Amino acid sequence: MTLESLARTIAKARHGTDAMWANYMGAAEAARREVAKQYADAVEPHAEALRMVREAVGEIFGPVANMESEDARLLRGPEPRHEAEAIIAALQNVAAAYRPA
């Protein structure tokens, strides 16, 4: 459900028509922006810590880790868990490289 359809549904439920949906659309958009800001503020310290770990893995293991580029990592997604997936993949590459044959 989009914000616009939600706003229309609320306007129709409250007023019997969706003519006032723009009022609710503004409020819904403001609420969405606030939630997005709170999420970004809450996640930022964790994302920064993962960036530090990523840099350390790249520096310590170099090409053996085959750390994917930042652009490739963003294809997974922008959240910290996507960064963690990239780090885990690099550590698996290192483990495979040093595993006895």
PDB file of N, CA and C in Angstrom:
ATOM      1  N   MET A   1       0.850  -1.172   0.000  1.00  0.00           N
ATOM      2  CA  MET A   1       0.000   0.000   0.000  1.00  0.00           C
ATOM      3  C   MET A   1       0.896   1.235   0.000  1.00  0.00           C
ATOM      4  N   THR A   2       0.620   2.158  -0.884  1.00  0.00           N
ATOM      5  CA  THR A   2       1.414   3.374  -0.955  1.00  0.00           C
ATOM      6  C   THR A   2       0.906   4.380   0.074  1.00  0.00           C
ATOM      7  N   LEU A   3       1.724   5.396   0.339  1.00  0.00           N
ATOM      8  CA  LEU A   3       1.286   6.449   1.258  1.00  0.00           C
ATOM      9  C   LEU A   3       0.053   7.160   0.715  1.00  0.00           C
ATOM     10  N   GLU A   4       0.017   7.367  -0.593  1.00  0.00           N
ATOM     11  CA  GLU A   4      -1.139   8.052  -1.182  1.00  0.00           C
ATOM     12  C   GLU A   4      -2.414   7.240  -0.995  1.00  0.00           C
ATOM     13  N   SER A   5      -2.356   5.939  -1.239  1.00  0.00           N
ATOM     14  CA  SER A   5      -3.562   5.124  -1.071  1.00  0.00           C
ATOM     15  C   SER A   5      -3.963   5.045   0.398  1.00  0.00           C
ATOM     16  N   LEU A   6      -2.977   5.017   1.305  1.00  0.00           N
ATOM     17  CA  LEU A   6      -3.282   5.031   2.733  1.00  0.00           C
ATOM     18  C   LEU A   6      -3.975   6.336   3.122  1.00  0.00           C
ATOM     19  N   ALA A   7      -3.448   7.456   2.627  1.00  0.00           N
ATOM     20  CA  ALA A   7      -4.050   8.757   2.926  1.00  0.00           C
ATOM     21  C   ALA A   7      -5.477   8.832   2.389  1.00  0.00           C
ATOM     22  N   ARG A   8      -5.700   8.324   1.193  1.00  0.00           N
ATOM     23  CA  ARG A   8      -7.061   8.320   0.620  1.00  0.00           C
ATOM     24  C   ARG A   8      -7.994   7.447   1.461  1.00  0.00           C
ATOM     25  N   THR A   9      -7.500   6.289   1.907  1.00  0.00           N
ATOM     26  CA  THR A   9      -8.324   5.391   2.719  1.00  0.00           C
ATOM     27  C   THR A   9      -8.703   6.050   4.042  1.00  0.00           C
ATOM     28  N   ILE A  10      -7.756   6.712   4.688  1.00  0.00           N
ATOM     29  CA  ILE A  10      -8.039   7.390   5.953  1.00  0.00           C
ATOM     30  C   ILE A  10      -9.040   8.519   5.736  1.00  0.00           C
ATOM     31  N   ALA A  11      -8.841   9.313   4.688  1.00  0.00           N
ATOM     32  CA  ALA A  11      -9.757  10.427   4.404  1.00  0.00           C
ATOM     33  C   ALA A  11     -11.161   9.910   4.143  1.00  0.00           C
ATOM     34  N   LYS A  12     -11.260   8.832   3.395  1.00  0.00           N
ATOM     35  CA  LYS A  12     -12.581   8.267   3.081  1.00  0.00           C
ATOM     36  C   LYS A  12     -13.245   7.721   4.340  1.00  0.00           C
ATOM     37  N   ALA A  13     -12.470   7.076   5.215  1.00  0.00           N
ATOM     38  CA  ALA A  13     -13.024   6.523   6.445  1.00  0.00           C
ATOM     39  C   ALA A  13     -13.494   7.625   7.387  1.00  0.00           C
ATOM     40  N   ARG A  14     -12.755   8.713   7.449  1.00  0.00           N
ATOM     41  CA  ARG A  14     -13.103   9.788   8.380  1.00  0.00           C
ATOM     42  C   ARG A  14     -14.168  10.732   7.847  1.00  0.00           C
ATOM     43  N   HIS A  15     -14.173  10.943   6.526  1.00  0.00           N
ATOM     44  CA  HIS A  15     -15.044  11.972   5.965  1.00  0.00           C
ATOM     45  C   HIS A  15     -16.048  11.439   4.957  1.00  0.00           C
ATOM     46  N   GLY A  16     -16.000  10.154   4.676  1.00  0.00           N
ATOM     47  CA  GLY A  16     -16.933   9.569   3.719  1.00  0.00           C
ATOM     48  C   GLY A  16     -16.535   9.849   2.277  1.00  0.00           C
ATOM     49  N   THR A  17     -15.463  10.551   2.083  1.00  0.00           N
ATOM     50  CA  THR A  17     -14.958  10.852   0.741  1.00  0.00           C
ATOM     51  C   THR A  17     -13.442  10.936   0.809  1.00  0.00           C
ATOM     52  N   ASP A  18     -12.796  10.814  -0.326  1.00  0.00           N
ATOM     53  CA  ASP A  18     -11.341  10.928  -0.299  1.00  0.00           C
ATOM     54  C   ASP A  18     -10.878  12.323  -0.711  1.00  0.00           C
ATOM     55  N   ALA A  19     -11.776  13.289  -0.669  1.00  0.00           N
ATOM     56  CA  ALA A  19     -11.446  14.652  -1.091  1.00  0.00           C
ATOM     57  C   ALA A  19     -10.392  15.295  -0.189  1.00  0.00           C
ATOM     58  N   MET A  20     -10.292  14.888   1.061  1.00  0.00           N
ATOM     59  CA  MET A  20      -9.343  15.501   1.989  1.00  0.00           C
ATOM     60  C   MET A  20      -8.048  14.692   2.121  1.00  0.00           C
ATOM     61  N   TRP A  21      -7.797  13.805   1.159  1.00  0.00           N
ATOM     62  CA  TRP A  21      -6.639  12.929   1.269  1.00  0.00           C
ATOM     63  C   TRP A  21      -5.322  13.685   1.317  1.00  0.00           C
ATOM     64  N   ALA A  22      -5.253  14.850   0.691  1.00  0.00           N
ATOM     65  CA  ALA A  22      -3.996  15.603   0.677  1.00  0.00           C
ATOM     66  C   ALA A  22      -3.572  15.995   2.089  1.00  0.00           C
ATOM     67  N   ASN A  23      -4.538  16.302   2.963  1.00  0.00           N
ATOM     68  CA  ASN A  23      -4.212  16.623   4.352  1.00  0.00           C
ATOM     69  C   ASN A  23      -3.534  15.438   5.030  1.00  0.00           C
ATOM     70  N   TYR A  24      -4.060  14.255   4.805  1.00  0.00           N
ATOM     71  CA  TYR A  24      -3.505  13.056   5.423  1.00  0.00           C
ATOM     72  C   TYR A  24      -2.201  12.642   4.750  1.00  0.00           C
ATOM     73  N   MET A  25      -2.091  12.935   3.470  1.00  0.00           N
ATOM     74  CA  MET A  25      -0.862  12.599   2.742  1.00  0.00           C
ATOM     75  C   MET A  25       0.318  13.364   3.338  1.00  0.00           C
ATOM     76  N   GLY A  26       0.127  14.641   3.622  1.00  0.00           N
ATOM     77  CA  GLY A  26       1.195  15.440   4.223  1.00  0.00           C
ATOM     78  C   GLY A  26       1.612  14.893   5.576  1.00  0.00           C
ATOM     79  N   ALA A  27       0.634  14.525   6.390  1.00  0.00           N
ATOM     80  CA  ALA A  27       0.927  13.986   7.716  1.00  0.00           C
ATOM     81  C   ALA A  27       1.633  12.632   7.603  1.00  0.00           C
ATOM     82  N   ALA A  28       1.180  11.815   6.671  1.00  0.00           N
ATOM     83  CA  ALA A  28       1.800  10.501   6.486  1.00  0.00           C
ATOM     84  C   ALA A  28       3.240  10.647   6.004  1.00  0.00           C
ATOM     85  N   GLU A  29       3.476  11.573   5.098  1.00  0.00           N
ATOM     86  CA  GLU A  29       4.826  11.798   4.586  1.00  0.00           C
ATOM     87  C   GLU A  29       5.748  12.317   5.695  1.00  0.00           C
ATOM     88  N   ALA A  30       5.239  13.213   6.515  1.00  0.00           N
ATOM     89  CA  ALA A  30       6.033  13.740   7.632  1.00  0.00           C
ATOM     90  C   ALA A  30       6.381  12.622   8.616  1.00  0.00           C
ATOM     91  N   ALA A  31       5.422  11.752   8.896  1.00  0.00           N
ATOM     92  CA  ALA A  31       5.670  10.629   9.805  1.00  0.00           C
ATOM     93  C   ALA A  31       6.705   9.676   9.209  1.00  0.00           C
ATOM     94  N   ARG A  32       6.613   9.422   7.908  1.00  0.00           N
ATOM     95  CA  ARG A  32       7.570   8.536   7.250  1.00  0.00           C
ATOM     96  C   ARG A  32       8.976   9.120   7.306  1.00  0.00           C
ATOM     97  N   ARG A  33       9.109  10.429   7.071  1.00  0.00           N
ATOM     98  CA  ARG A  33      10.419  11.075   7.147  1.00  0.00           C
ATOM     99  C   ARG A  33      11.006  10.981   8.552  1.00  0.00           C
ATOM    100  N   GLU A  34      10.161  11.154   9.572  1.00  0.00           N
ATOM    101  CA  GLU A  34      10.632  11.091  10.956  1.00  0.00           C
ATOM    102  C   GLU A  34      11.119   9.681  11.304  1.00  0.00           C
ATOM    103  N   VAL A  35      10.376   8.679  10.883  1.00  0.00           N
ATOM    104  CA  VAL A  35      10.775   7.296  11.142  1.00  0.00           C
ATOM    105  C   VAL A  35      12.082   6.986  10.409  1.00  0.00           C
ATOM    106  N   ALA A  36      12.220   7.450   9.174  1.00  0.00           N
ATOM    107  CA  ALA A  36      13.451   7.222   8.409  1.00  0.00           C
ATOM    108  C   ALA A  36      14.639   7.889   9.092  1.00  0.00           C
ATOM    109  N   LYS A  37      14.446   9.078   9.635  1.00  0.00           N
ATOM    110  CA  LYS A  37      15.524   9.790  10.339  1.00  0.00           C
ATOM    111  C   LYS A  37      15.911   9.042  11.619  1.00  0.00           C
ATOM    112  N   GLN A  38      14.927   8.575  12.362  1.00  0.00           N
ATOM    113  CA  GLN A  38      15.209   7.831  13.586  1.00  0.00           C
ATOM    114  C   GLN A  38      15.972   6.551  13.277  1.00  0.00           C
ATOM    115  N   TYR A  39      15.574   5.872  12.203  1.00  0.00           N
ATOM    116  CA  TYR A  39      16.258   4.646  11.797  1.00  0.00           C
ATOM    117  C   TYR A  39      17.710   4.948  11.429  1.00  0.00           C
ATOM    118  N   ALA A  40      17.906   5.983  10.626  1.00  0.00           N
ATOM    119  CA  ALA A  40      19.266   6.341  10.208  1.00  0.00           C
ATOM    120  C   ALA A  40      20.131   6.697  11.411  1.00  0.00           C
ATOM    121  N   ASP A  41      19.572   7.439  12.356  1.00  0.00           N
ATOM    122  CA  ASP A  41      20.326   7.806  13.567  1.00  0.00           C
ATOM    123  C   ASP A  41      20.679   6.580  14.400  1.00  0.00           C
ATOM    124  N   ALA A  42      19.757   5.615  14.476  1.00  0.00           N
ATOM    125  CA  ALA A  42      19.989   4.419  15.284  1.00  0.00           C
ATOM    126  C   ALA A  42      21.008   3.482  14.630  1.00  0.00           C
ATOM    127  N   VAL A  43      21.017   3.418  13.321  1.00  0.00           N
ATOM    128  CA  VAL A  43      21.856   2.467  12.596  1.00  0.00           C
ATOM    129  C   VAL A  43      23.264   2.998  12.351  1.00  0.00           C
ATOM    130  N   GLU A  44      23.432   4.298  12.292  1.00  0.00           N
ATOM    131  CA  GLU A  44      24.718   4.886  11.904  1.00  0.00           C
ATOM    132  C   GLU A  44      25.918   4.375  12.706  1.00  0.00           C
ATOM    133  N   PRO A  45      25.852   4.278  14.048  1.00  0.00           N
ATOM    134  CA  PRO A  45      27.039   3.772  14.769  1.00  0.00           C
ATOM    135  C   PRO A  45      27.395   2.338  14.390  1.00  0.00           C
ATOM    136  N   HIS A  46      26.387   1.521  14.130  1.00  0.00           N
ATOM    137  CA  HIS A  46      26.635   0.127  13.756  1.00  0.00           C
ATOM    138  C   HIS A  46      27.223   0.052  12.348  1.00  0.00           C
ATOM    139  N   ALA A  47      26.701   0.876  11.466  1.00  0.00           N
ATOM    140  CA  ALA A  47      27.213   0.904  10.102  1.00  0.00           C
ATOM    141  C   ALA A  47      28.673   1.361  10.088  1.00  0.00           C
ATOM    142  N   GLU A  48      29.000   2.346  10.903  1.00  0.00           N
ATOM    143  CA  GLU A  48      30.378   2.828  10.985  1.00  0.00           C
ATOM    144  C   GLU A  48      31.307   1.734  11.516  1.00  0.00           C
ATOM    145  N   ALA A  49      30.863   0.986  12.509  1.00  0.00           N
ATOM    146  CA  ALA A  49      31.676  -0.108  13.047  1.00  0.00           C
ATOM    147  C   ALA A  49      31.920  -1.169  11.969  1.00  0.00           C
ATOM    148  N   LEU A  50      30.901  -1.479  11.193  1.00  0.00           N
ATOM    149  CA  LEU A  50      31.077  -2.465  10.132  1.00  0.00           C
ATOM    150  C   LEU A  50      32.018  -1.954   9.047  1.00  0.00           C
ATOM    151  N   ARG A  51      31.981  -0.659   8.753  1.00  0.00           N
ATOM    152  CA  ARG A  51      32.918  -0.086   7.783  1.00  0.00           C
ATOM    153  C   ARG A  51      34.361  -0.246   8.279  1.00  0.00           C
ATOM    154  N   MET A  52      34.559  -0.057   9.579  1.00  0.00           N
ATOM    155  CA  MET A  52      35.898  -0.221  10.158  1.00  0.00           C
ATOM    156  C   MET A  52      36.362  -1.673  10.046  1.00  0.00           C
ATOM    157  N   VAL A  53      35.474  -2.611  10.309  1.00  0.00           N
ATOM    158  CA  VAL A  53      35.814  -4.038  10.198  1.00  0.00           C
ATOM    159  C   VAL A  53      36.134  -4.370   8.742  1.00  0.00           C
ATOM    160  N   ARG A  54      35.338  -3.834   7.829  1.00  0.00           N
ATOM    161  CA  ARG A  54      35.564  -4.069   6.401  1.00  0.00           C
ATOM    162  C   ARG A  54      36.961  -3.596   5.993  1.00  0.00           C
ATOM    163  N   GLU A  55      37.328  -2.394   6.420  1.00  0.00           N
ATOM    164  CA  GLU A  55      38.650  -1.857   6.093  1.00  0.00           C
ATOM    165  C   GLU A  55      39.759  -2.729   6.683  1.00  0.00           C
ATOM    166  N   ALA A  56      39.557  -3.193   7.922  1.00  0.00           N
ATOM    167  CA  ALA A  56      40.568  -4.025   8.571  1.00  0.00           C
ATOM    168  C   ALA A  56      40.742  -5.349   7.835  1.00  0.00           C
ATOM    169  N   VAL A  57      39.652  -5.978   7.433  1.00  0.00           N
ATOM    170  CA  VAL A  57      39.743  -7.246   6.694  1.00  0.00           C
ATOM    171  C   VAL A  57      40.482  -7.013   5.384  1.00  0.00           C
ATOM    172  N   GLY A  58      40.160  -5.928   4.713  1.00  0.00           N
ATOM    173  CA  GLY A  58      40.836  -5.621   3.453  1.00  0.00           C
ATOM    174  C   GLY A  58      42.317  -5.369   3.634  1.00  0.00           C
ATOM    175  N   GLU A  59      42.693  -4.657   4.695  1.00  0.00           N
ATOM    176  CA  GLU A  59      44.101  -4.356   4.946  1.00  0.00           C
ATOM    177  C   GLU A  59      44.877  -5.588   5.396  1.00  0.00           C
ATOM    178  N   ILE A  60      44.298  -6.394   6.268  1.00  0.00           N
ATOM    179  CA  ILE A  60      45.005  -7.550   6.830  1.00  0.00           C
ATOM    180  C   ILE A  60      45.176  -8.658   5.794  1.00  0.00           C
ATOM    181  N   PHE A  61      44.112  -8.955   5.056  1.00  0.00           N
ATOM    182  CA  PHE A  61      44.150 -10.101   4.149  1.00  0.00           C
ATOM    183  C   PHE A  61      44.349  -9.721   2.690  1.00  0.00           C
ATOM    184  N   GLY A  62      44.235  -8.453   2.371  1.00  0.00           N
ATOM    185  CA  GLY A  62      44.480  -7.967   1.016  1.00  0.00           C
ATOM    186  C   GLY A  62      43.684  -8.706  -0.047  1.00  0.00           C
ATOM    187  N   PRO A  63      44.345  -9.034  -1.162  1.00  0.00           N
ATOM    188  CA  PRO A  63      43.631  -9.648  -2.279  1.00  0.00           C
ATOM    189  C   PRO A  63      43.085 -11.041  -1.979  1.00  0.00           C
ATOM    190  N   VAL A  64      43.652 -11.715  -0.963  1.00  0.00           N
ATOM    191  CA  VAL A  64      43.158 -13.058  -0.614  1.00  0.00           C
ATOM    192  C   VAL A  64      41.688 -12.991  -0.205  1.00  0.00           C
ATOM    193  N   ALA A  65      41.316 -11.923   0.489  1.00  0.00           N
ATOM    194  CA  ALA A  65      39.928 -11.779   0.945  1.00  0.00           C
ATOM    195  C   ALA A  65      38.977 -11.546  -0.225  1.00  0.00           C
ATOM    196  N   ASN A  66      39.524 -10.998  -1.317  1.00  0.00           N
ATOM    197  CA  ASN A  66      38.691 -10.701  -2.476  1.00  0.00           C
ATOM    198  C   ASN A  66      37.446  -9.910  -2.048  1.00  0.00           C
ATOM    199  N   MET A  67      37.697  -8.870  -1.246  1.00  0.00           N
ATOM    200  CA  MET A  67      36.607  -8.027  -0.716  1.00  0.00           C
ATOM    201  C   MET A  67      35.909  -7.348  -1.884  1.00  0.00           C
ATOM    202  N   GLU A  68      34.591  -7.495  -1.928  1.00  0.00           N
ATOM    203  CA  GLU A  68      33.862  -6.870  -3.033  1.00  0.00           C
ATOM    204  C   GLU A  68      33.889  -5.347  -2.879  1.00  0.00           C
ATOM    205  N   SER A  69      33.780  -4.684  -3.992  1.00  0.00           N
ATOM    206  CA  SER A  69      33.838  -3.226  -3.984  1.00  0.00           C
ATOM    207  C   SER A  69      32.617  -2.647  -3.286  1.00  0.00           C
ATOM    208  N   GLU A  70      32.728  -1.382  -2.926  1.00  0.00           N
ATOM    209  CA  GLU A  70      31.604  -0.696  -2.280  1.00  0.00           C
ATOM    210  C   GLU A  70      30.377  -0.691  -3.194  1.00  0.00           C
ATOM    211  N   ASP A  71      30.595  -0.487  -4.492  1.00  0.00           N
ATOM    212  CA  ASP A  71      29.478  -0.493  -5.444  1.00  0.00           C
ATOM    213  C   ASP A  71      28.800  -1.865  -5.493  1.00  0.00           C
ATOM    214  N   ALA A  72      29.610  -2.922  -5.512  1.00  0.00           N
ATOM    215  CA  ALA A  72      29.048  -4.273  -5.533  1.00  0.00           C
ATOM    216  C   ALA A  72      28.287  -4.554  -4.245  1.00  0.00           C
ATOM    217  N   ARG A  73      28.825  -4.075  -3.125  1.00  0.00           N
ATOM    218  CA  ARG A  73      28.145  -4.279  -1.847  1.00  0.00           C
ATOM    219  C   ARG A  73      26.811  -3.566  -1.826  1.00  0.00           C
ATOM    220  N   LEU A  74      26.740  -2.382  -2.422  1.00  0.00           N
ATOM    221  CA  LEU A  74      25.474  -1.640  -2.453  1.00  0.00           C
ATOM    222  C   LEU A  74      24.412  -2.351  -3.284  1.00  0.00           C
ATOM    223  N   LEU A  75      24.834  -3.209  -4.209  1.00  0.00           N
ATOM    224  CA  LEU A  75      23.852  -3.993  -4.958  1.00  0.00           C
ATOM    225  C   LEU A  75      23.123  -4.974  -4.041  1.00  0.00           C
ATOM    226  N   ARG A  76      23.791  -5.402  -2.979  1.00  0.00           N
ATOM    227  CA  ARG A  76      23.132  -6.257  -1.981  1.00  0.00           C
ATOM    228  C   ARG A  76      22.070  -5.460  -1.240  1.00  0.00           C
ATOM    229  N   GLY A  77      22.377  -4.193  -0.958  1.00  0.00           N
ATOM    230  CA  GLY A  77      21.462  -3.319  -0.231  1.00  0.00           C
ATOM    231  C   GLY A  77      22.236  -2.376   0.672  1.00  0.00           C
ATOM    232  N   PRO A  78      21.554  -1.350   1.182  1.00  0.00           N
ATOM    233  CA  PRO A  78      22.241  -0.310   1.945  1.00  0.00           C
ATOM    234  C   PRO A  78      22.322  -0.548   3.451  1.00  0.00           C
ATOM    235  N   GLU A  79      21.731  -1.601   3.949  1.00  0.00           N
ATOM    236  CA  GLU A  79      21.644  -1.801   5.395  1.00  0.00           C
ATOM    237  C   GLU A  79      22.908  -2.455   5.952  1.00  0.00           C
ATOM    238  N   PRO A  80      23.150  -2.295   7.259  1.00  0.00           N
ATOM    239  CA  PRO A  80      24.345  -2.892   7.867  1.00  0.00           C
ATOM    240  C   PRO A  80      24.440  -4.400   7.658  1.00  0.00           C
ATOM    241  N   ARG A  81      23.337  -5.098   7.599  1.00  0.00           N
ATOM    242  CA  ARG A  81      23.415  -6.549   7.413  1.00  0.00           C
ATOM    243  C   ARG A  81      24.010  -6.892   6.047  1.00  0.00           C
ATOM    244  N   HIS A  82      23.812  -6.019   5.053  1.00  0.00           N
ATOM    245  CA  HIS A  82      24.399  -6.247   3.743  1.00  0.00           C
ATOM    246  C   HIS A  82      25.922  -6.078   3.806  1.00  0.00           C
ATOM    247  N   GLU A  83      26.363  -5.128   4.601  1.00  0.00           N
ATOM    248  CA  GLU A  83      27.800  -4.946   4.826  1.00  0.00           C
ATOM    249  C   GLU A  83      28.361  -6.183   5.530  1.00  0.00           C
ATOM    250  N   ALA A  84      27.631  -6.691   6.520  1.00  0.00           N
ATOM    251  CA  ALA A  84      28.071  -7.892   7.241  1.00  0.00           C
ATOM    252  C   ALA A  84      28.163  -9.087   6.296  1.00  0.00           C
ATOM    253  N   GLU A  85      27.209  -9.225   5.370  1.00  0.00           N
ATOM    254  CA  GLU A  85      27.252 -10.320   4.403  1.00  0.00           C
ATOM    255  C   GLU A  85      28.511 -10.243   3.544  1.00  0.00           C
ATOM    256  N   ALA A  86      28.899  -9.037   3.147  1.00  0.00           N
ATOM    257  CA  ALA A  86      30.107  -8.849   2.339  1.00  0.00           C
ATOM    258  C   ALA A  86      31.356  -9.219   3.132  1.00  0.00           C
ATOM    259  N   ILE A  87      31.382  -8.854   4.393  1.00  0.00           N
ATOM    260  CA  ILE A  87      32.530  -9.179   5.244  1.00  0.00           C
ATOM    261  C   ILE A  87      32.626 -10.690   5.450  1.00  0.00           C
ATOM    262  N   ILE A  88      31.504 -11.326   5.699  1.00  0.00           N
ATOM    263  CA  ILE A  88      31.488 -12.783   5.882  1.00  0.00           C
ATOM    264  C   ILE A  88      31.972 -13.487   4.622  1.00  0.00           C
ATOM    265  N   ALA A  89      31.529 -13.018   3.462  1.00  0.00           N
ATOM    266  CA  ALA A  89      31.973 -13.615   2.198  1.00  0.00           C
ATOM    267  C   ALA A  89      33.490 -13.485   2.045  1.00  0.00           C
ATOM    268  N   ALA A  90      34.035 -12.334   2.418  1.00  0.00           N
ATOM    269  CA  ALA A  90      35.485 -12.131   2.330  1.00  0.00           C
ATOM    270  C   ALA A  90      36.223 -13.064   3.281  1.00  0.00           C
ATOM    271  N   LEU A  91      35.711 -13.220   4.501  1.00  0.00           N
ATOM    272  CA  LEU A  91      36.356 -14.119   5.458  1.00  0.00           C
ATOM    273  C   LEU A  91      36.257 -15.577   5.008  1.00  0.00           C
ATOM    274  N   GLN A  92      35.182 -15.932   4.336  1.00  0.00           N
ATOM    275  CA  GLN A  92      35.068 -17.281   3.782  1.00  0.00           C
ATOM    276  C   GLN A  92      36.101 -17.491   2.678  1.00  0.00           C
ATOM    277  N   ASN A  93      36.361 -16.439   1.895  1.00  0.00           N
ATOM    278  CA  ASN A  93      37.408 -16.527   0.873  1.00  0.00           C
ATOM    279  C   ASN A  93      38.774 -16.768   1.516  1.00  0.00           C
ATOM    280  N   VAL A  94      39.054 -16.074   2.598  1.00  0.00           N
ATOM    281  CA  VAL A  94      40.320 -16.238   3.307  1.00  0.00           C
ATOM    282  C   VAL A  94      40.428 -17.662   3.861  1.00  0.00           C
ATOM    283  N   ALA A  95      39.366 -18.137   4.486  1.00  0.00           N
ATOM    284  CA  ALA A  95      39.382 -19.490   5.060  1.00  0.00           C
ATOM    285  C   ALA A  95      39.604 -20.530   3.971  1.00  0.00           C
ATOM    286  N   ALA A  96      38.966 -20.353   2.831  1.00  0.00           N
ATOM    287  CA  ALA A  96      39.130 -21.308   1.716  1.00  0.00           C
ATOM    288  C   ALA A  96      40.553 -21.274   1.174  1.00  0.00           C
ATOM    289  N   ALA A  97      41.154 -20.089   1.131  1.00  0.00           N
ATOM    290  CA  ALA A  97      42.513 -19.961   0.594  1.00  0.00           C
ATOM    291  C   ALA A  97      43.548 -20.649   1.489  1.00  0.00           C
ATOM    292  N   TYR A  98      43.314 -20.667   2.790  1.00  0.00           N
ATOM    293  CA  TYR A  98      44.282 -21.250   3.718  1.00  0.00           C
ATOM    294  C   TYR A  98      43.904 -22.647   4.180  1.00  0.00           C
ATOM    295  N   ARG A  99      42.833 -23.199   3.671  1.00  0.00           N
ATOM    296  CA  ARG A  99      42.408 -24.555   4.030  1.00  0.00           C
ATOM    297  C   ARG A  99      43.321 -25.549   3.333  1.00  0.00           C
ATOM    298  N   PRO A 100      43.829 -26.528   4.052  1.00  0.00           N
ATOM    299  CA  PRO A 100      44.692 -27.525   3.401  1.00  0.00           C
ATOM    300  C   PRO A 100      43.930 -28.306   2.345  1.00  0.00           C
ATOM    301  N   ALA A 101      44.599 -28.608   1.279  1.00  0.00           N
ATOM    302  CA  ALA A 101      43.962 -29.342   0.168  1.00  0.00           C
ATOM    303  C   ALA A 101      43.832 -30.804   0.450  1.00  0.00           C
TER     304      ALA A 101
END
